[in-house]
Amino acid sequence: MGNEPERMAKIKPPRALRVKFGRGSMFGEPGNVERQRRIVMDALEALQTMVVPGTVRELSYQWRR
């Protein structure tokens, strides 16, 4: 998981999941347990379905605060 497309492009992970959250907050706002759980479940689902090397997906979640 990452939040900086430029850094991810340099690192070239085999598969990546991008989030639109600040550094250090890959799973969302502190205390928002339900949303954090959904993001973890989305990440686990992505591990199963991203089969093409170099695939980058972006989660649609937005920071609410």
Protein backbone atom coordinates (compact mmCIF):
# COMPACT_ATOMS: atom_id res chain seq x y z
CA MET A 1 0.00 0.00 0.00
CA GLY A 2 1.18 3.49 -0.74
CA ASN A 3 0.04 7.05 -1.06
CA GLU A 4 2.68 8.65 -3.27
CA PRO A 5 2.42 7.59 -6.94
CA GLU A 6 5.85 8.99 -7.79
CA ARG A 7 7.55 6.94 -5.08
CA MET A 8 5.60 3.85 -6.06
CA ALA A 9 6.70 4.31 -9.69
CA LYS A 10 10.35 4.40 -8.60
CA ILE A 11 10.06 1.38 -6.33
CA LYS A 12 8.06 -0.63 -8.91
CA PRO A 13 6.35 -3.07 -6.56
CA PRO A 14 4.95 -6.20 -8.19
CA ARG A 15 1.45 -5.00 -7.26
CA ALA A 16 0.31 -1.90 -5.41
CA LEU A 17 -2.75 -0.49 -3.76
CA ARG A 18 -2.89 3.30 -3.60
CA VAL A 19 -4.76 5.23 -0.94
CA LYS A 20 -5.51 8.96 -0.82
CA PHE A 21 -4.51 9.39 2.80
CA GLY A 22 -1.57 11.14 4.41
CA ARG A 23 1.68 9.45 5.20
CA GLY A 24 1.38 7.12 8.15
CA SER A 25 -2.39 6.80 7.84
CA MET A 26 -2.75 4.09 5.23
CA PHE A 27 -5.95 2.76 6.77
CA GLY A 28 -7.77 6.04 7.34
CA GLU A 29 -8.71 8.31 10.17
CA PRO A 30 -7.76 7.37 13.73
CA GLY A 31 -10.67 5.84 15.60
CA ASN A 32 -12.72 5.03 12.50
CA VAL A 33 -12.63 1.28 13.10
CA GLU A 34 -15.36 0.33 10.61
CA ARG A 35 -13.66 2.15 7.73
CA GLN A 36 -10.26 0.78 8.67
CA ARG A 37 -11.73 -2.72 8.64
CA ARG A 38 -13.21 -2.14 5.15
CA ILE A 39 -9.84 -0.92 3.86
CA VAL A 40 -8.07 -3.98 5.25
CA MET A 41 -10.68 -6.22 3.62
CA ASP A 42 -10.25 -4.36 0.30
CA ALA A 43 -6.49 -4.84 0.55
CA LEU A 44 -6.85 -8.58 1.19
CA GLU A 45 -9.26 -8.88 -1.73
CA ALA A 46 -6.76 -7.05 -3.95
CA LEU A 47 -4.06 -9.58 -3.01
CA GLN A 48 -6.28 -12.31 -4.41
CA THR A 49 -7.37 -10.57 -7.61
CA MET A 50 -4.37 -8.54 -8.82
CA VAL A 51 -2.60 -11.21 -10.84
CA VAL A 52 -0.80 -9.09 -13.47
CA PRO A 53 2.62 -7.83 -12.34
CA GLY A 54 2.81 -4.06 -12.15
CA THR A 55 -0.90 -3.62 -11.40
CA VAL A 56 -1.73 -0.53 -9.36
CA ARG A 57 -5.21 -0.03 -7.95
CA GLU A 58 -6.51 3.04 -6.21
CA LEU A 59 -9.03 2.84 -3.42
CA SER A 60 -11.82 5.39 -3.68
CA TYR A 61 -11.87 6.34 -0.01
CA GLN A 62 -11.41 10.04 0.86
CA TRP A 63 -10.08 11.49 4.09
CA ARG A 64 -13.09 12.87 5.98
CA ARG A 65 -11.50 15.19 8.55
